[in-house]
Amino acid sequence: HQDNLLFLWSITVSIFGIGGLLGSSGSRYLTVKYGKKKCLLCNNLVMIAAASIMGCSKTAQSFEMIVIGRFMCGISLCVPLHHQYIGEISPRKLRGFANSTSSFFWSLGKVVGQISGQRELLGSQSLWPMLMASCGLPALVQLVTLPFFPESPPYLFMHKGDQEGYKKAIRQLWGEGHHQAEIDDIMKEKATMKNTKILSVLELMKEPAFRWQLYMIVILTATVQLCGINAV
């Protein structure tokens, strides 16, 4: 029935956001316990599994596999690790530039996906499973290359207390030069963290000092969602 089809289509589209909500909610615990590099590797495995499930959905004649794959994609993509990791492994003078590249490539990926989804390319009746599975390709590239990168230096120093590993990671990332300014920044941040309480999501919403910042973020995010860009 047409109503059932519309309901299933809506679930398929929106399940991505539900997965993203779960992924972002658990990111802090996972990154503190396992580190950003390990979490990124696990993210890539989840994304590859999701791409494989969606790519095989037509052969299996199962729309449920697309729903499951979209949910897993939401969990993987919405764990906010890429910005954190790229910012923490970048030298001080390039940190702002490195963080901005994450947003640039995020937008570029969406554009490439929309172009590839045209009926003349991968959006055809026979090739759409390849389009659904294409999200696993960047994840595979990162899964292969990321083991050659060190763990985030701030994580090693502040959460693990591994000063030797911290210095080794800095030398591997930034060379053998003088990095005392970055080391001093990490020391100050660690000292600040000792006297700062980490707020939960509920505590953040109740904290008056962050009320207006929270309002601004909610308004900006809602505006992006309601401006019609998704329909376009």
C-alpha atoms as a PDB file:
ATOM      1  CA  HIS A   1       0.000   0.000   0.000  1.00  0.00           C
ATOM      2  CA  GLN A   2       1.182   3.528  -0.773  1.00  0.00           C
ATOM      3  CA  ASP A   3       0.954   4.617   2.871  1.00  0.00           C
ATOM      4  CA  ASN A   4       3.107   1.690   3.952  1.00  0.00           C
ATOM      5  CA  LEU A   5       5.683   2.518   1.280  1.00  0.00           C
ATOM      6  CA  LEU A   6       5.798   6.130   2.436  1.00  0.00           C
ATOM      7  CA  PHE A   7       6.235   5.008   6.058  1.00  0.00           C
ATOM      8  CA  LEU A   8       9.069   2.605   5.164  1.00  0.00           C
ATOM      9  CA  TRP A   9      10.775   5.277   3.057  1.00  0.00           C
ATOM     10  CA  SER A  10      10.536   7.758   5.947  1.00  0.00           C
ATOM     11  CA  ILE A  11      12.032   5.218   8.344  1.00  0.00           C
ATOM     12  CA  THR A  12      14.886   4.525   5.900  1.00  0.00           C
ATOM     13  CA  VAL A  13      15.716   8.220   5.613  1.00  0.00           C
ATOM     14  CA  SER A  14      15.352   9.175   9.277  1.00  0.00           C
ATOM     15  CA  ILE A  15      17.058   6.129  10.831  1.00  0.00           C
ATOM     16  CA  PHE A  16      20.395   7.737   9.941  1.00  0.00           C
ATOM     17  CA  GLY A  17      19.688  10.551  12.422  1.00  0.00           C
ATOM     18  CA  ILE A  18      18.729   8.097  15.165  1.00  0.00           C
ATOM     19  CA  GLY A  19      22.017   6.273  14.681  1.00  0.00           C
ATOM     20  CA  GLY A  20      23.819   9.610  14.752  1.00  0.00           C
ATOM     21  CA  LEU A  21      22.176  10.518  18.063  1.00  0.00           C
ATOM     22  CA  LEU A  22      23.385   7.264  19.640  1.00  0.00           C
ATOM     23  CA  GLY A  23      26.855   7.583  18.140  1.00  0.00           C
ATOM     24  CA  SER A  24      27.406  11.152  19.309  1.00  0.00           C
ATOM     25  CA  SER A  25      25.976  10.449  22.774  1.00  0.00           C
ATOM     26  CA  GLY A  26      28.459   7.660  23.491  1.00  0.00           C
ATOM     27  CA  SER A  27      31.503   9.263  21.889  1.00  0.00           C
ATOM     28  CA  ARG A  28      32.958  10.858  25.027  1.00  0.00           C
ATOM     29  CA  TYR A  29      33.009   7.614  27.020  1.00  0.00           C
ATOM     30  CA  LEU A  30      34.511   5.653  24.134  1.00  0.00           C
ATOM     31  CA  THR A  31      37.233   8.186  23.319  1.00  0.00           C
ATOM     32  CA  VAL A  32      38.333   8.483  26.946  1.00  0.00           C
ATOM     33  CA  LYS A  33      38.395   4.717  27.469  1.00  0.00           C
ATOM     34  CA  TYR A  34      39.898   3.555  24.166  1.00  0.00           C
ATOM     35  CA  GLY A  35      41.471   6.613  22.551  1.00  0.00           C
ATOM     36  CA  LYS A  36      40.585   8.430  19.348  1.00  0.00           C
ATOM     37  CA  LYS A  37      42.680   6.314  17.011  1.00  0.00           C
ATOM     38  CA  LYS A  38      41.116   3.014  18.103  1.00  0.00           C
ATOM     39  CA  CYS A  39      37.637   4.516  17.955  1.00  0.00           C
ATOM     40  CA  LEU A  40      38.288   5.765  14.422  1.00  0.00           C
ATOM     41  CA  LEU A  41      39.424   2.293  13.381  1.00  0.00           C
ATOM     42  CA  CYS A  42      36.265   0.768  14.866  1.00  0.00           C
ATOM     43  CA  ASN A  43      34.217   3.454  13.107  1.00  0.00           C
ATOM     44  CA  ASN A  44      35.739   2.406   9.807  1.00  0.00           C
ATOM     45  CA  LEU A  45      34.876  -1.234  10.448  1.00  0.00           C
ATOM     46  CA  VAL A  46      31.266  -0.264  11.209  1.00  0.00           C
ATOM     47  CA  MET A  47      31.079   1.808   8.024  1.00  0.00           C
ATOM     48  CA  ILE A  48      32.530  -0.989   5.872  1.00  0.00           C
ATOM     49  CA  ALA A  49      30.038  -3.436   7.379  1.00  0.00           C
ATOM     50  CA  ALA A  50      27.196  -0.975   6.720  1.00  0.00           C
ATOM     51  CA  ALA A  51      28.321  -0.485   3.104  1.00  0.00           C
ATOM     52  CA  SER A  52      28.491  -4.251   2.568  1.00  0.00           C
ATOM     53  CA  ILE A  53      24.999  -4.764   4.009  1.00  0.00           C
ATOM     54  CA  MET A  54      23.464  -2.024   1.860  1.00  0.00           C
ATOM     55  CA  GLY A  55      25.355  -3.145  -1.240  1.00  0.00           C
ATOM     56  CA  CYS A  56      23.955  -6.666  -0.920  1.00  0.00           C
ATOM     57  CA  SER A  57      20.382  -5.563  -0.187  1.00  0.00           C
ATOM     58  CA  LYS A  58      19.190  -5.829  -3.797  1.00  0.00           C
ATOM     59  CA  THR A  59      20.645  -9.313  -4.239  1.00  0.00           C
ATOM     60  CA  ALA A  60      19.017 -10.403  -0.978  1.00  0.00           C
ATOM     61  CA  GLN A  61      15.797  -8.575  -1.912  1.00  0.00           C
ATOM     62  CA  SER A  62      15.691  -7.030   1.564  1.00  0.00           C
ATOM     63  CA  PHE A  63      14.904  -3.373   2.219  1.00  0.00           C
ATOM     64  CA  GLU A  64      15.536  -4.112   5.908  1.00  0.00           C
ATOM     65  CA  MET A  65      19.242  -4.346   5.074  1.00  0.00           C
ATOM     66  CA  ILE A  66      19.181  -0.763   3.799  1.00  0.00           C
ATOM     67  CA  VAL A  67      17.529   0.392   7.030  1.00  0.00           C
ATOM     68  CA  ILE A  68      20.141  -1.446   9.116  1.00  0.00           C
ATOM     69  CA  GLY A  69      22.979  -0.088   6.972  1.00  0.00           C
ATOM     70  CA  ARG A  70      21.706   3.480   7.238  1.00  0.00           C
ATOM     71  CA  PHE A  71      21.473   3.124  11.020  1.00  0.00           C
ATOM     72  CA  MET A  72      25.056   1.861  11.209  1.00  0.00           C
ATOM     73  CA  CYS A  73      26.223   4.697   8.940  1.00  0.00           C
ATOM     74  CA  GLY A  74      24.637   7.188  11.312  1.00  0.00           C
ATOM     75  CA  ILE A  75      26.451   5.710  14.289  1.00  0.00           C
ATOM     76  CA  SER A  76      29.774   5.711  12.447  1.00  0.00           C
ATOM     77  CA  LEU A  77      29.626   9.148  10.823  1.00  0.00           C
ATOM     78  CA  CYS A  78      28.191  11.098  13.725  1.00  0.00           C
ATOM     79  CA  VAL A  79      30.764  10.126  16.332  1.00  0.00           C
ATOM     80  CA  PRO A  80      32.649  13.478  16.377  1.00  0.00           C
ATOM     81  CA  LEU A  81      36.150  12.031  16.221  1.00  0.00           C
ATOM     82  CA  HIS A  82      37.599  13.274  12.952  1.00  0.00           C
ATOM     83  CA  HIS A  83      37.604  16.942  13.988  1.00  0.00           C
ATOM     84  CA  GLN A  84      39.090  16.101  17.384  1.00  0.00           C
ATOM     85  CA  TYR A  85      41.790  13.801  16.073  1.00  0.00           C
ATOM     86  CA  ILE A  86      42.903  16.043  13.191  1.00  0.00           C
ATOM     87  CA  GLY A  87      43.014  19.032  15.543  1.00  0.00           C
ATOM     88  CA  GLU A  88      45.033  17.245  18.209  1.00  0.00           C
ATOM     89  CA  ILE A  89      47.666  15.780  15.881  1.00  0.00           C
ATOM     90  CA  SER A  90      48.184  19.084  14.030  1.00  0.00           C
ATOM     91  CA  PRO A  91      50.944  21.509  15.072  1.00  0.00           C
ATOM     92  CA  ARG A  92      49.814  24.681  16.760  1.00  0.00           C
ATOM     93  CA  LYS A  93      50.215  26.987  13.747  1.00  0.00           C
ATOM     94  CA  LEU A  94      48.209  24.678  11.456  1.00  0.00           C
ATOM     95  CA  ARG A  95      45.481  23.617  13.871  1.00  0.00           C
ATOM     96  CA  GLY A  96      42.825  26.038  12.632  1.00  0.00           C
ATOM     97  CA  PHE A  97      43.516  25.186   9.006  1.00  0.00           C
ATOM     98  CA  ALA A  98      43.414  21.442   9.720  1.00  0.00           C
ATOM     99  CA  ASN A  99      40.064  21.726  11.496  1.00  0.00           C
ATOM    100  CA  SER A 100      38.577  23.683   8.612  1.00  0.00           C
ATOM    101  CA  THR A 101      39.621  20.990   6.111  1.00  0.00           C
ATOM    102  CA  SER A 102      37.370  18.494   7.915  1.00  0.00           C
ATOM    103  CA  SER A 103      34.295  20.602   7.180  1.00  0.00           C
ATOM    104  CA  PHE A 104      35.465  21.192   3.609  1.00  0.00           C
ATOM    105  CA  PHE A 105      35.874  17.494   2.838  1.00  0.00           C
ATOM    106  CA  TRP A 106      32.596  16.671   4.616  1.00  0.00           C
ATOM    107  CA  SER A 107      30.793  19.050   2.249  1.00  0.00           C
ATOM    108  CA  LEU A 108      32.806  17.826  -0.738  1.00  0.00           C
ATOM    109  CA  GLY A 109      31.827  14.241   0.025  1.00  0.00           C
ATOM    110  CA  LYS A 110      28.136  15.172   0.107  1.00  0.00           C
ATOM    111  CA  VAL A 111      28.463  16.904  -3.268  1.00  0.00           C
ATOM    112  CA  VAL A 112      30.253  13.906  -4.812  1.00  0.00           C
ATOM    113  CA  GLY A 113      27.565  11.617  -3.417  1.00  0.00           C
ATOM    114  CA  GLN A 114      24.754  13.719  -4.870  1.00  0.00           C
ATOM    115  CA  ILE A 115      26.436  13.888  -8.272  1.00  0.00           C
ATOM    116  CA  SER A 116      27.137  10.148  -8.268  1.00  0.00           C
ATOM    117  CA  GLY A 117      23.500   9.510  -7.391  1.00  0.00           C
ATOM    118  CA  GLN A 118      22.221  10.930 -10.666  1.00  0.00           C
ATOM    119  CA  ARG A 119      20.393   8.417 -12.873  1.00  0.00           C
ATOM    120  CA  GLU A 120      23.005   8.873 -15.605  1.00  0.00           C
ATOM    121  CA  LEU A 121      25.750   7.677 -13.222  1.00  0.00           C
ATOM    122  CA  LEU A 122      25.252   5.334 -10.241  1.00  0.00           C
ATOM    123  CA  GLY A 123      21.615   6.150  -9.550  1.00  0.00           C
ATOM    124  CA  SER A 124      20.318   3.809 -12.235  1.00  0.00           C
ATOM    125  CA  GLN A 125      18.181   0.726 -11.643  1.00  0.00           C
ATOM    126  CA  SER A 126      21.156  -1.618 -11.998  1.00  0.00           C
ATOM    127  CA  LEU A 127      23.921   0.398 -10.295  1.00  0.00           C
ATOM    128  CA  TRP A 128      22.270   1.844  -7.179  1.00  0.00           C
ATOM    129  CA  PRO A 129      23.623  -0.960  -4.921  1.00  0.00           C
ATOM    130  CA  MET A 130      27.128   0.219  -5.876  1.00  0.00           C
ATOM    131  CA  LEU A 131      26.139   3.745  -4.899  1.00  0.00           C
ATOM    132  CA  MET A 132      24.927   2.521  -1.499  1.00  0.00           C
ATOM    133  CA  ALA A 133      28.144   0.564  -0.977  1.00  0.00           C
ATOM    134  CA  SER A 134      30.454   3.393  -2.095  1.00  0.00           C
ATOM    135  CA  CYS A 135      30.537   4.881   1.419  1.00  0.00           C
ATOM    136  CA  GLY A 136      32.752   1.957   2.419  1.00  0.00           C
ATOM    137  CA  LEU A 137      35.581   3.027   0.090  1.00  0.00           C
ATOM    138  CA  PRO A 138      36.815   6.049   2.124  1.00  0.00           C
ATOM    139  CA  ALA A 139      36.451   3.980   5.284  1.00  0.00           C
ATOM    140  CA  LEU A 140      38.611   1.234   3.755  1.00  0.00           C
ATOM    141  CA  VAL A 141      41.304   3.764   2.778  1.00  0.00           C
ATOM    142  CA  GLN A 142      41.373   5.166   6.307  1.00  0.00           C
ATOM    143  CA  LEU A 143      41.351   1.692   7.853  1.00  0.00           C
ATOM    144  CA  VAL A 144      44.475   0.782   5.854  1.00  0.00           C
ATOM    145  CA  THR A 145      46.382   4.038   6.429  1.00  0.00           C
ATOM    146  CA  LEU A 146      45.428   4.991  10.007  1.00  0.00           C
ATOM    147  CA  PRO A 147      47.551   2.287  11.728  1.00  0.00           C
ATOM    148  CA  PHE A 148      50.645   4.141  10.472  1.00  0.00           C
ATOM    149  CA  PHE A 149      49.608   7.236  12.484  1.00  0.00           C
ATOM    150  CA  PRO A 150      50.207   7.571  16.231  1.00  0.00           C
ATOM    151  CA  GLU A 151      47.561   8.013  18.889  1.00  0.00           C
ATOM    152  CA  SER A 152      46.556  11.583  19.714  1.00  0.00           C
ATOM    153  CA  PRO A 153      49.381  13.162  21.821  1.00  0.00           C
ATOM    154  CA  PRO A 154      46.972  14.975  24.212  1.00  0.00           C
ATOM    155  CA  TYR A 155      45.144  11.695  24.857  1.00  0.00           C
ATOM    156  CA  LEU A 156      48.396   9.890  25.638  1.00  0.00           C
ATOM    157  CA  PHE A 157      49.506  12.598  28.046  1.00  0.00           C
ATOM    158  CA  MET A 158      46.273  13.631  29.785  1.00  0.00           C
ATOM    159  CA  HIS A 159      44.346  10.356  29.951  1.00  0.00           C
ATOM    160  CA  LYS A 160      47.078   7.705  29.908  1.00  0.00           C
ATOM    161  CA  GLY A 161      49.895   9.624  31.594  1.00  0.00           C
ATOM    162  CA  ASP A 162      52.312   8.213  29.007  1.00  0.00           C
ATOM    163  CA  GLN A 163      54.927  10.960  28.669  1.00  0.00           C
ATOM    164  CA  GLU A 164      57.300   8.844  26.576  1.00  0.00           C
ATOM    165  CA  GLY A 165      54.517   7.849  24.198  1.00  0.00           C
ATOM    166  CA  TYR A 166      53.432  11.477  24.055  1.00  0.00           C
ATOM    167  CA  LYS A 167      56.900  12.705  23.076  1.00  0.00           C
ATOM    168  CA  LYS A 168      57.317   9.880  20.561  1.00  0.00           C
ATOM    169  CA  ALA A 169      53.987  10.749  18.936  1.00  0.00           C
ATOM    170  CA  ILE A 170      54.954  14.427  18.675  1.00  0.00           C
ATOM    171  CA  ARG A 171      58.288  13.580  17.060  1.00  0.00           C
ATOM    172  CA  GLN A 172      56.565  11.235  14.600  1.00  0.00           C
ATOM    173  CA  LEU A 173      53.979  13.855  13.669  1.00  0.00           C
ATOM    174  CA  TRP A 174      55.954  17.085  13.756  1.00  0.00           C
ATOM    175  CA  GLY A 175      59.588  16.046  13.383  1.00  0.00           C
ATOM    176  CA  GLU A 176      62.515  16.538  15.736  1.00  0.00           C
ATOM    177  CA  GLY A 177      62.167  20.311  16.153  1.00  0.00           C
ATOM    178  CA  HIS A 178      61.455  22.340  19.280  1.00  0.00           C
ATOM    179  CA  HIS A 179      57.868  21.834  20.418  1.00  0.00           C
ATOM    180  CA  GLN A 180      57.955  23.326  23.901  1.00  0.00           C
ATOM    181  CA  ALA A 181      55.020  25.667  23.196  1.00  0.00           C
ATOM    182  CA  GLU A 182      52.738  22.727  22.368  1.00  0.00           C
ATOM    183  CA  ILE A 183      53.960  20.815  25.431  1.00  0.00           C
ATOM    184  CA  ASP A 184      53.221  23.831  27.647  1.00  0.00           C
ATOM    185  CA  ASP A 185      49.706  24.052  26.200  1.00  0.00           C
ATOM    186  CA  ILE A 186      49.050  20.408  27.057  1.00  0.00           C
ATOM    187  CA  MET A 187      50.388  20.918  30.580  1.00  0.00           C
ATOM    188  CA  LYS A 188      48.083  23.907  31.113  1.00  0.00           C
ATOM    189  CA  GLU A 189      45.111  21.991  29.723  1.00  0.00           C
ATOM    190  CA  LYS A 190      45.782  19.040  32.022  1.00  0.00           C
ATOM    191  CA  ALA A 191      46.025  21.345  35.038  1.00  0.00           C
ATOM    192  CA  THR A 192      42.748  23.002  34.055  1.00  0.00           C
ATOM    193  CA  MET A 193      40.972  19.665  33.642  1.00  0.00           C
ATOM    194  CA  LYS A 194      41.779  18.685  37.218  1.00  0.00           C
ATOM    195  CA  ASN A 195      39.700  21.601  38.510  1.00  0.00           C
ATOM    196  CA  THR A 196      36.929  21.383  35.910  1.00  0.00           C
ATOM    197  CA  LYS A 197      33.866  19.196  36.194  1.00  0.00           C
ATOM    198  CA  ILE A 198      32.858  17.414  32.992  1.00  0.00           C
ATOM    199  CA  LEU A 199      29.154  18.058  32.445  1.00  0.00           C
ATOM    200  CA  SER A 200      26.718  15.476  31.161  1.00  0.00           C
ATOM    201  CA  VAL A 201      24.242  16.452  28.432  1.00  0.00           C
ATOM    202  CA  LEU A 202      21.465  16.952  30.991  1.00  0.00           C
ATOM    203  CA  GLU A 203      23.720  19.034  33.262  1.00  0.00           C
ATOM    204  CA  LEU A 204      24.791  21.129  30.272  1.00  0.00           C
ATOM    205  CA  MET A 205      21.153  21.894  29.427  1.00  0.00           C
ATOM    206  CA  LYS A 206      20.501  22.958  33.047  1.00  0.00           C
ATOM    207  CA  GLU A 207      23.628  25.110  33.400  1.00  0.00           C
ATOM    208  CA  PRO A 208      22.663  28.835  33.184  1.00  0.00           C
ATOM    209  CA  ALA A 209      26.152  29.902  32.088  1.00  0.00           C
ATOM    210  CA  PHE A 210      25.811  27.968  28.807  1.00  0.00           C
ATOM    211  CA  ARG A 211      22.132  28.743  28.170  1.00  0.00           C
ATOM    212  CA  TRP A 212      22.595  31.319  25.404  1.00  0.00           C
ATOM    213  CA  GLN A 213      25.329  29.342  23.648  1.00  0.00           C
ATOM    214  CA  LEU A 214      23.025  26.318  23.660  1.00  0.00           C
ATOM    215  CA  TYR A 215      20.163  28.401  22.254  1.00  0.00           C
ATOM    216  CA  MET A 216      22.379  29.641  19.418  1.00  0.00           C
ATOM    217  CA  ILE A 217      23.552  26.131  18.484  1.00  0.00           C
ATOM    218  CA  VAL A 218      19.992  24.767  18.489  1.00  0.00           C
ATOM    219  CA  ILE A 219      18.700  27.685  16.380  1.00  0.00           C
ATOM    220  CA  LEU A 220      21.525  27.433  13.832  1.00  0.00           C
ATOM    221  CA  THR A 221      21.187  23.661  13.511  1.00  0.00           C
ATOM    222  CA  ALA A 222      17.402  23.855  13.179  1.00  0.00           C
ATOM    223  CA  THR A 223      17.751  26.563  10.531  1.00  0.00           C
ATOM    224  CA  VAL A 224      20.023  24.361   8.446  1.00  0.00           C
ATOM    225  CA  GLN A 225      17.537  21.504   8.655  1.00  0.00           C
ATOM    226  CA  LEU A 226      14.479  23.653   7.898  1.00  0.00           C
ATOM    227  CA  CYS A 227      15.900  25.899   5.159  1.00  0.00           C
ATOM    228  CA  GLY A 228      14.907  23.477   2.396  1.00  0.00           C
ATOM    229  CA  ILE A 229      18.387  22.322   1.403  1.00  0.00           C
ATOM    230  CA  ASN A 230      17.468  18.663   2.003  1.00  0.00           C
ATOM    231  CA  ALA A 231      14.510  18.973  -0.365  1.00  0.00           C
ATOM    232  CA  VAL A 232      16.717  20.635  -2.981  1.00  0.00           C
END
